Amino acid sequence: MANQNSSEDIDYGILDTLVGYKLRRAQVNLFNHFSEHCSRFGITPGLFGVLSIVERNPGLTQTAIANALGNDRSAMVSVVDRLEAMNVVERKPSTSDRRSHALFLTKHGEAFYAELVEEVLKHEANFTSLLNEGEKALIIDILDRFAAHAPSKA
């Protein structure tokens, strides 16, 4: 009988052949490692995504950012509240839609983001060091195709 306490002794059956399952396992591992690297910043991968979009696209509305990241629009309010409480993002009235708020990094947010990116790049280097020449670009290409794929409704 296999040792029930060791995942190495578990037969994963079909799961070992499913891309979705392997992606999810890799994502969990990457997110956990990200959290270890970035916990001192109080930043999750989701918050980092929002900060990255705001940093490169100052003045976008919360809705535009949610759409760009594939996030639920209603969840953006609490995300922005959290980033605002950290004094890294500020809301300003949108110039194109008075019902919306545009997001900008604060001065503190700019310095915070620069330091955070250094840590994220260390995290990324830890994983990409496992890859051979050209594999990172290949993985990104494959994941981009998966992300853009609209499954047919059968």
N, C-alpha and C. Protein backbone atom coordinates (compact mmCIF):
# COMPACT_ATOMS: atom_id res chain seq x y z
N MET A 1 0.85 -1.19 0.00
CA MET A 1 0.00 0.00 0.00
C MET A 1 0.88 1.25 0.00
N ALA A 2 0.54 2.24 -0.81
CA ALA A 2 1.32 3.48 -0.92
C ALA A 2 1.19 4.29 0.35
N ASN A 3 2.24 5.04 0.65
CA ASN A 3 2.22 5.95 1.79
C ASN A 3 1.21 7.06 1.49
N GLN A 4 0.15 7.12 2.25
CA GLN A 4 -0.92 8.08 1.99
C GLN A 4 -0.54 9.52 2.33
N ASN A 5 0.62 9.72 2.94
CA ASN A 5 1.04 11.06 3.32
C ASN A 5 1.95 11.72 2.29
N SER A 6 2.35 11.00 1.27
CA SER A 6 3.28 11.53 0.28
C SER A 6 2.61 11.69 -1.07
N SER A 7 2.64 12.90 -1.61
CA SER A 7 2.02 13.12 -2.92
C SER A 7 2.81 12.41 -4.02
N GLU A 8 4.07 12.05 -3.74
CA GLU A 8 4.88 11.33 -4.73
C GLU A 8 4.34 9.93 -4.96
N ASP A 9 3.62 9.37 -4.00
CA ASP A 9 3.09 8.01 -4.10
C ASP A 9 1.68 7.96 -4.64
N ILE A 10 1.11 9.09 -4.97
CA ILE A 10 -0.27 9.14 -5.44
C ILE A 10 -0.30 9.00 -6.95
N ASP A 11 -1.19 8.16 -7.43
CA ASP A 11 -1.41 8.01 -8.87
C ASP A 11 -2.44 9.06 -9.28
N TYR A 12 -2.01 10.02 -10.07
CA TYR A 12 -2.90 11.11 -10.48
C TYR A 12 -3.75 10.76 -11.70
N GLY A 13 -3.52 9.61 -12.26
CA GLY A 13 -4.34 9.15 -13.38
C GLY A 13 -4.41 10.17 -14.50
N ILE A 14 -5.62 10.43 -14.96
CA ILE A 14 -5.84 11.34 -16.08
C ILE A 14 -5.34 12.75 -15.80
N LEU A 15 -5.31 13.14 -14.52
CA LEU A 15 -4.87 14.50 -14.18
C LEU A 15 -3.48 14.80 -14.73
N ASP A 16 -2.59 13.79 -14.73
CA ASP A 16 -1.24 13.99 -15.24
C ASP A 16 -1.19 14.24 -16.74
N THR A 17 -2.30 14.07 -17.44
CA THR A 17 -2.33 14.29 -18.88
C THR A 17 -3.11 15.54 -19.27
N LEU A 18 -3.69 16.22 -18.29
CA LEU A 18 -4.55 17.38 -18.58
C LEU A 18 -3.78 18.69 -18.45
N VAL A 19 -3.75 19.46 -19.52
CA VAL A 19 -3.06 20.74 -19.52
C VAL A 19 -3.64 21.67 -18.45
N GLY A 20 -4.96 21.71 -18.35
CA GLY A 20 -5.60 22.60 -17.37
C GLY A 20 -5.17 22.27 -15.95
N TYR A 21 -5.09 20.99 -15.64
CA TYR A 21 -4.66 20.59 -14.29
C TYR A 21 -3.21 20.99 -14.06
N LYS A 22 -2.35 20.75 -15.04
CA LYS A 22 -0.93 21.09 -14.90
C LYS A 22 -0.76 22.61 -14.78
N LEU A 23 -1.54 23.38 -15.54
CA LEU A 23 -1.48 24.84 -15.43
C LEU A 23 -1.89 25.29 -14.04
N ARG A 24 -2.94 24.69 -13.52
CA ARG A 24 -3.42 25.08 -12.18
C ARG A 24 -2.38 24.76 -11.12
N ARG A 25 -1.75 23.59 -11.20
CA ARG A 25 -0.70 23.23 -10.23
C ARG A 25 0.47 24.20 -10.32
N ALA A 26 0.87 24.53 -11.55
CA ALA A 26 1.96 25.49 -11.74
C ALA A 26 1.57 26.86 -11.20
N GLN A 27 0.32 27.28 -11.46
CA GLN A 27 -0.15 28.58 -10.98
C GLN A 27 -0.11 28.64 -9.46
N VAL A 28 -0.58 27.59 -8.80
CA VAL A 28 -0.57 27.57 -7.34
C VAL A 28 0.86 27.70 -6.82
N ASN A 29 1.78 26.97 -7.43
CA ASN A 29 3.18 27.03 -7.02
C ASN A 29 3.76 28.43 -7.24
N LEU A 30 3.50 28.99 -8.40
CA LEU A 30 4.00 30.34 -8.71
C LEU A 30 3.39 31.38 -7.77
N PHE A 31 2.10 31.29 -7.52
CA PHE A 31 1.44 32.26 -6.63
C PHE A 31 1.97 32.16 -5.20
N ASN A 32 2.16 30.92 -4.73
CA ASN A 32 2.70 30.74 -3.38
C ASN A 32 4.10 31.34 -3.27
N HIS A 33 4.92 31.12 -4.28
CA HIS A 33 6.27 31.68 -4.28
C HIS A 33 6.22 33.21 -4.38
N PHE A 34 5.31 33.72 -5.21
CA PHE A 34 5.11 35.17 -5.32
C PHE A 34 4.77 35.74 -3.95
N SER A 35 3.86 35.07 -3.25
CA SER A 35 3.44 35.54 -1.93
C SER A 35 4.61 35.58 -0.95
N GLU A 36 5.47 34.56 -1.01
CA GLU A 36 6.65 34.55 -0.15
C GLU A 36 7.55 35.76 -0.43
N HIS A 37 7.70 36.09 -1.71
CA HIS A 37 8.57 37.21 -2.10
C HIS A 37 7.94 38.56 -1.81
N CYS A 38 6.63 38.66 -1.94
CA CYS A 38 5.98 39.97 -1.91
C CYS A 38 5.10 40.21 -0.70
N SER A 39 5.08 39.28 0.25
CA SER A 39 4.21 39.45 1.42
C SER A 39 4.57 40.69 2.22
N ARG A 40 5.86 41.04 2.26
CA ARG A 40 6.24 42.23 3.03
C ARG A 40 5.67 43.51 2.42
N PHE A 41 5.27 43.44 1.15
CA PHE A 41 4.65 44.59 0.48
C PHE A 41 3.14 44.61 0.67
N GLY A 42 2.58 43.48 1.12
CA GLY A 42 1.13 43.38 1.23
C GLY A 42 0.45 43.27 -0.12
N ILE A 43 1.17 42.71 -1.08
CA ILE A 43 0.68 42.65 -2.46
C ILE A 43 0.48 41.21 -2.90
N THR A 44 -0.67 40.95 -3.50
CA THR A 44 -0.97 39.66 -4.11
C THR A 44 -0.71 39.75 -5.61
N PRO A 45 -0.68 38.63 -6.32
CA PRO A 45 -0.54 38.71 -7.78
C PRO A 45 -1.62 39.57 -8.43
N GLY A 46 -2.85 39.49 -7.92
CA GLY A 46 -3.94 40.30 -8.47
C GLY A 46 -3.72 41.79 -8.28
N LEU A 47 -3.28 42.17 -7.09
CA LEU A 47 -2.99 43.59 -6.84
C LEU A 47 -1.82 44.07 -7.69
N PHE A 48 -0.83 43.20 -7.86
CA PHE A 48 0.31 43.56 -8.71
C PHE A 48 -0.15 43.81 -10.15
N GLY A 49 -1.08 42.99 -10.62
CA GLY A 49 -1.62 43.19 -11.97
C GLY A 49 -2.27 44.55 -12.13
N VAL A 50 -3.08 44.92 -11.14
CA VAL A 50 -3.74 46.23 -11.20
C VAL A 50 -2.70 47.35 -11.16
N LEU A 51 -1.75 47.26 -10.24
CA LEU A 51 -0.70 48.29 -10.16
C LEU A 51 0.06 48.41 -11.48
N SER A 52 0.36 47.29 -12.09
CA SER A 52 1.12 47.30 -13.35
C SER A 52 0.35 48.00 -14.46
N ILE A 53 -0.95 47.73 -14.54
CA ILE A 53 -1.78 48.39 -15.56
C ILE A 53 -1.87 49.89 -15.28
N VAL A 54 -2.08 50.25 -14.02
CA VAL A 54 -2.18 51.67 -13.65
C VAL A 54 -0.86 52.38 -13.94
N GLU A 55 0.26 51.74 -13.61
CA GLU A 55 1.57 52.36 -13.82
C GLU A 55 1.81 52.67 -15.30
N ARG A 56 1.43 51.75 -16.16
CA ARG A 56 1.68 51.93 -17.60
C ARG A 56 0.58 52.72 -18.30
N ASN A 57 -0.59 52.84 -17.66
CA ASN A 57 -1.75 53.48 -18.29
C ASN A 57 -2.45 54.42 -17.31
N PRO A 58 -1.76 55.45 -16.83
CA PRO A 58 -2.39 56.33 -15.86
C PRO A 58 -3.65 56.96 -16.44
N GLY A 59 -4.69 57.01 -15.60
CA GLY A 59 -5.93 57.64 -16.03
C GLY A 59 -6.99 56.68 -16.54
N LEU A 60 -6.67 55.38 -16.61
CA LEU A 60 -7.70 54.42 -17.01
C LEU A 60 -8.75 54.33 -15.91
N THR A 61 -9.96 54.02 -16.30
CA THR A 61 -11.02 53.83 -15.32
C THR A 61 -10.90 52.44 -14.68
N GLN A 62 -11.54 52.29 -13.53
CA GLN A 62 -11.56 51.01 -12.84
C GLN A 62 -12.14 49.94 -13.75
N THR A 63 -13.19 50.27 -14.50
CA THR A 63 -13.83 49.32 -15.40
C THR A 63 -12.87 48.89 -16.50
N ALA A 64 -12.15 49.83 -17.08
CA ALA A 64 -11.19 49.50 -18.15
C ALA A 64 -10.10 48.58 -17.62
N ILE A 65 -9.65 48.82 -16.41
CA ILE A 65 -8.61 47.97 -15.81
C ILE A 65 -9.15 46.58 -15.53
N ALA A 66 -10.35 46.50 -14.99
CA ALA A 66 -10.97 45.20 -14.74
C ALA A 66 -11.11 44.42 -16.04
N ASN A 67 -11.56 45.08 -17.10
CA ASN A 67 -11.70 44.42 -18.39
C ASN A 67 -10.36 43.96 -18.94
N ALA A 68 -9.34 44.80 -18.81
CA ALA A 68 -8.01 44.45 -19.32
C ALA A 68 -7.45 43.21 -18.63
N LEU A 69 -7.75 43.07 -17.35
CA LEU A 69 -7.21 41.95 -16.57
C LEU A 69 -8.16 40.75 -16.52
N GLY A 70 -9.36 40.91 -17.10
CA GLY A 70 -10.33 39.83 -17.05
C GLY A 70 -10.91 39.63 -15.67
N ASN A 71 -10.94 40.71 -14.88
CA ASN A 71 -11.46 40.65 -13.52
C ASN A 71 -12.92 41.07 -13.48
N ASP A 72 -13.59 40.66 -12.43
CA ASP A 72 -14.96 41.07 -12.19
C ASP A 72 -14.98 42.55 -11.83
N ARG A 73 -15.78 43.31 -12.53
CA ARG A 73 -15.85 44.76 -12.30
C ARG A 73 -16.23 45.11 -10.87
N SER A 74 -17.14 44.34 -10.30
CA SER A 74 -17.60 44.65 -8.94
C SER A 74 -16.49 44.43 -7.91
N ALA A 75 -15.56 43.54 -8.18
CA ALA A 75 -14.45 43.27 -7.26
C ALA A 75 -13.41 44.40 -7.29
N MET A 76 -13.42 45.19 -8.33
CA MET A 76 -12.42 46.25 -8.47
C MET A 76 -12.54 47.31 -7.39
N VAL A 77 -13.73 47.56 -6.91
CA VAL A 77 -13.92 48.59 -5.89
C VAL A 77 -13.10 48.24 -4.65
N SER A 78 -13.21 47.00 -4.17
CA SER A 78 -12.46 46.62 -2.97
C SER A 78 -10.95 46.58 -3.25
N VAL A 79 -10.55 46.20 -4.46
CA VAL A 79 -9.13 46.20 -4.82
C VAL A 79 -8.59 47.62 -4.78
N VAL A 80 -9.31 48.54 -5.38
CA VAL A 80 -8.86 49.93 -5.41
C VAL A 80 -8.90 50.53 -4.01
N ASP A 81 -9.92 50.18 -3.23
CA ASP A 81 -9.96 50.64 -1.83
C ASP A 81 -8.69 50.21 -1.09
N ARG A 82 -8.31 48.97 -1.29
CA ARG A 82 -7.11 48.45 -0.61
C ARG A 82 -5.85 49.19 -1.06
N LEU A 83 -5.70 49.38 -2.37
CA LEU A 83 -4.52 50.08 -2.90
C LEU A 83 -4.52 51.54 -2.48
N GLU A 84 -5.69 52.14 -2.39
CA GLU A 84 -5.80 53.52 -1.93
C GLU A 84 -5.41 53.62 -0.45
N ALA A 85 -5.84 52.65 0.35
CA ALA A 85 -5.50 52.64 1.77
C ALA A 85 -4.00 52.49 1.99
N MET A 86 -3.33 51.86 1.02
CA MET A 86 -1.87 51.70 1.09
C MET A 86 -1.15 52.94 0.57
N ASN A 87 -1.93 53.91 0.09
CA ASN A 87 -1.40 55.16 -0.47
C ASN A 87 -0.52 54.92 -1.71
N VAL A 88 -0.90 53.95 -2.52
CA VAL A 88 -0.15 53.69 -3.75
C VAL A 88 -0.94 54.06 -5.00
N VAL A 89 -2.26 54.14 -4.86
CA VAL A 89 -3.14 54.49 -5.98
C VAL A 89 -4.10 55.56 -5.49
N GLU A 90 -4.45 56.46 -6.40
CA GLU A 90 -5.49 57.45 -6.07
C GLU A 90 -6.52 57.50 -7.19
N ARG A 91 -7.75 57.75 -6.77
CA ARG A 91 -8.86 57.92 -7.71
C ARG A 91 -9.02 59.41 -7.99
N LYS A 92 -9.26 59.70 -9.25
CA LYS A 92 -9.60 61.07 -9.64
C LYS A 92 -10.79 60.97 -10.59
N PRO A 93 -11.61 61.99 -10.64
CA PRO A 93 -12.72 61.94 -11.59
C PRO A 93 -12.20 61.74 -13.01
N SER A 94 -12.87 60.87 -13.75
CA SER A 94 -12.49 60.61 -15.13
C SER A 94 -12.83 61.82 -15.99
N THR A 95 -11.94 62.17 -16.89
CA THR A 95 -12.21 63.29 -17.79
C THR A 95 -13.17 62.89 -18.91
N SER A 96 -13.28 61.57 -19.18
CA SER A 96 -14.14 61.13 -20.28
C SER A 96 -15.51 60.65 -19.81
N ASP A 97 -15.65 60.34 -18.52
CA ASP A 97 -16.93 59.83 -18.00
C ASP A 97 -17.08 60.26 -16.55
N ARG A 98 -17.95 61.23 -16.32
CA ARG A 98 -18.10 61.78 -14.97
C ARG A 98 -18.60 60.76 -13.95
N ARG A 99 -19.16 59.63 -14.42
CA ARG A 99 -19.65 58.60 -13.50
C ARG A 99 -18.52 57.68 -13.04
N SER A 100 -17.35 57.79 -13.65
CA SER A 100 -16.25 56.88 -13.37
C SER A 100 -15.08 57.60 -12.72
N HIS A 101 -14.21 56.78 -12.13
CA HIS A 101 -12.97 57.30 -11.56
C HIS A 101 -11.80 56.78 -12.36
N ALA A 102 -10.83 57.65 -12.58
CA ALA A 102 -9.58 57.28 -13.23
C ALA A 102 -8.57 56.98 -12.13
N LEU A 103 -7.67 56.06 -12.40
CA LEU A 103 -6.69 55.66 -11.40
C LEU A 103 -5.28 56.10 -11.79
N PHE A 104 -4.55 56.53 -10.77
CA PHE A 104 -3.18 57.00 -10.94
C PHE A 104 -2.34 56.48 -9.77
N LEU A 105 -1.06 56.25 -10.02
CA LEU A 105 -0.15 55.96 -8.91
C LEU A 105 0.12 57.26 -8.17
N THR A 106 0.22 57.17 -6.86
CA THR A 106 0.65 58.32 -6.06
C THR A 106 2.18 58.42 -6.19
N LYS A 107 2.76 59.49 -5.66
CA LYS A 107 4.23 59.59 -5.63
C LYS A 107 4.81 58.42 -4.85
N HIS A 108 4.21 58.14 -3.69
CA HIS A 108 4.64 56.98 -2.91
C HIS A 108 4.46 55.70 -3.72
N GLY A 109 3.35 55.61 -4.46
CA GLY A 109 3.05 54.44 -5.28
C GLY A 109 4.10 54.20 -6.36
N GLU A 110 4.63 55.27 -6.92
CA GLU A 110 5.67 55.13 -7.95
C GLU A 110 6.92 54.48 -7.37
N ALA A 111 7.36 54.95 -6.21
CA ALA A 111 8.55 54.37 -5.56
C ALA A 111 8.25 52.95 -5.09
N PHE A 112 7.08 52.75 -4.52
CA PHE A 112 6.64 51.45 -4.05
C PHE A 112 6.65 50.44 -5.20
N TYR A 113 6.07 50.84 -6.34
CA TYR A 113 5.99 49.96 -7.49
C TYR A 113 7.38 49.60 -8.01
N ALA A 114 8.28 50.56 -8.07
CA ALA A 114 9.64 50.28 -8.55
C ALA A 114 10.32 49.24 -7.66
N GLU A 115 10.17 49.38 -6.36
CA GLU A 115 10.77 48.41 -5.43
C GLU A 115 10.09 47.05 -5.57
N LEU A 116 8.79 47.05 -5.72
CA LEU A 116 8.03 45.83 -5.89
C LEU A 116 8.45 45.08 -7.16
N VAL A 117 8.63 45.81 -8.24
CA VAL A 117 9.04 45.17 -9.50
C VAL A 117 10.37 44.46 -9.35
N GLU A 118 11.30 45.05 -8.62
CA GLU A 118 12.59 44.38 -8.37
C GLU A 118 12.37 43.03 -7.70
N GLU A 119 11.48 42.98 -6.73
CA GLU A 119 11.20 41.73 -6.03
C GLU A 119 10.48 40.73 -6.93
N VAL A 120 9.54 41.21 -7.73
CA VAL A 120 8.80 40.34 -8.65
C VAL A 120 9.77 39.75 -9.68
N LEU A 121 10.72 40.54 -10.14
CA LEU A 121 11.69 40.03 -11.12
C LEU A 121 12.60 38.97 -10.51
N LYS A 122 12.91 39.08 -9.22
CA LYS A 122 13.68 38.03 -8.53
C LYS A 122 12.85 36.74 -8.50
N HIS A 123 11.59 36.89 -8.16
CA HIS A 123 10.67 35.74 -8.13
C HIS A 123 10.61 35.10 -9.52
N GLU A 124 10.45 35.90 -10.53
CA GLU A 124 10.35 35.41 -11.91
C GLU A 124 11.64 34.70 -12.32
N ALA A 125 12.77 35.27 -11.97
CA ALA A 125 14.07 34.68 -12.32
C ALA A 125 14.24 33.31 -11.68
N ASN A 126 13.70 33.14 -10.49
CA ASN A 126 13.78 31.85 -9.81
C ASN A 126 13.13 30.76 -10.65
N PHE A 127 12.01 31.06 -11.26
CA PHE A 127 11.32 30.06 -12.08
C PHE A 127 11.88 29.98 -13.48
N THR A 128 12.21 31.10 -14.09
CA THR A 128 12.70 31.04 -15.46
C THR A 128 14.09 30.42 -15.54
N SER A 129 14.79 30.34 -14.41
CA SER A 129 16.10 29.67 -14.41
C SER A 129 15.95 28.18 -14.69
N LEU A 130 14.75 27.64 -14.55
CA LEU A 130 14.48 26.24 -14.84
C LEU A 130 14.34 25.97 -16.34
N LEU A 131 14.24 27.03 -17.12
CA LEU A 131 13.96 26.91 -18.55
C LEU A 131 15.22 26.95 -19.40
N ASN A 132 15.12 26.29 -20.53
CA ASN A 132 16.20 26.35 -21.52
C ASN A 132 15.99 27.56 -22.42
N GLU A 133 17.01 27.88 -23.20
CA GLU A 133 16.97 28.99 -24.15
C GLU A 133 15.69 28.94 -24.99
N GLY A 134 14.97 30.03 -25.01
CA GLY A 134 13.77 30.14 -25.84
C GLY A 134 12.49 29.60 -25.22
N GLU A 135 12.59 28.85 -24.13
CA GLU A 135 11.38 28.26 -23.56
C GLU A 135 10.46 29.28 -22.90
N LYS A 136 11.01 30.33 -22.31
CA LYS A 136 10.15 31.35 -21.71
C LYS A 136 9.28 31.99 -22.77
N ALA A 137 9.88 32.36 -23.90
CA ALA A 137 9.10 32.97 -24.99
C ALA A 137 8.05 31.99 -25.50
N LEU A 138 8.40 30.70 -25.57
CA LEU A 138 7.45 29.69 -26.03
C LEU A 138 6.29 29.54 -25.06
N ILE A 139 6.59 29.48 -23.77
CA ILE A 139 5.53 29.36 -22.76
C ILE A 139 4.61 30.58 -22.81
N ILE A 140 5.18 31.77 -22.90
CA ILE A 140 4.36 32.98 -22.97
C ILE A 140 3.49 32.96 -24.22
N ASP A 141 4.04 32.52 -25.35
CA ASP A 141 3.26 32.42 -26.59
C ASP A 141 2.10 31.44 -26.42
N ILE A 142 2.37 30.28 -25.85
CA ILE A 142 1.32 29.28 -25.65
C ILE A 142 0.25 29.81 -24.70
N LEU A 143 0.66 30.41 -23.60
CA LEU A 143 -0.32 30.94 -22.63
C LEU A 143 -1.13 32.08 -23.23
N ASP A 144 -0.51 32.91 -24.05
CA ASP A 144 -1.26 33.97 -24.74
C ASP A 144 -2.34 33.36 -25.64
N ARG A 145 -2.00 32.28 -26.33
CA ARG A 145 -2.99 31.63 -27.20
C ARG A 145 -4.13 31.03 -26.37
N PHE A 146 -3.78 30.41 -25.25
CA PHE A 146 -4.83 29.87 -24.38
C PHE A 146 -5.73 30.99 -23.86
N ALA A 147 -5.13 32.09 -23.45
CA ALA A 147 -5.89 33.21 -22.90
C ALA A 147 -6.82 33.83 -23.94
N ALA A 148 -6.40 33.83 -25.19
CA ALA A 148 -7.21 34.45 -26.25
C ALA A 148 -8.25 33.51 -26.82
N HIS A 149 -8.14 32.23 -26.51
CA HIS A 149 -9.04 31.23 -27.10
C HIS A 149 -10.45 31.34 -26.51
N ALA A 150 -11.40 31.46 -27.39
CA ALA A 150 -12.81 31.46 -26.96
C ALA A 150 -13.36 30.08 -27.28
N PRO A 151 -13.54 29.25 -26.27
CA PRO A 151 -14.02 27.89 -26.52
C PRO A 151 -15.35 27.89 -27.25
N SER A 152 -15.49 26.92 -28.16
CA SER A 152 -16.77 26.81 -28.87
C SER A 152 -17.80 26.20 -27.95
N LYS A 153 -19.03 26.60 -28.15
CA LYS A 153 -20.13 26.07 -27.33
C LYS A 153 -20.70 24.85 -28.04
N ALA A 154 -20.46 23.70 -27.47
CA ALA A 154 -20.91 22.46 -28.10
C ALA A 154 -22.28 22.05 -27.63
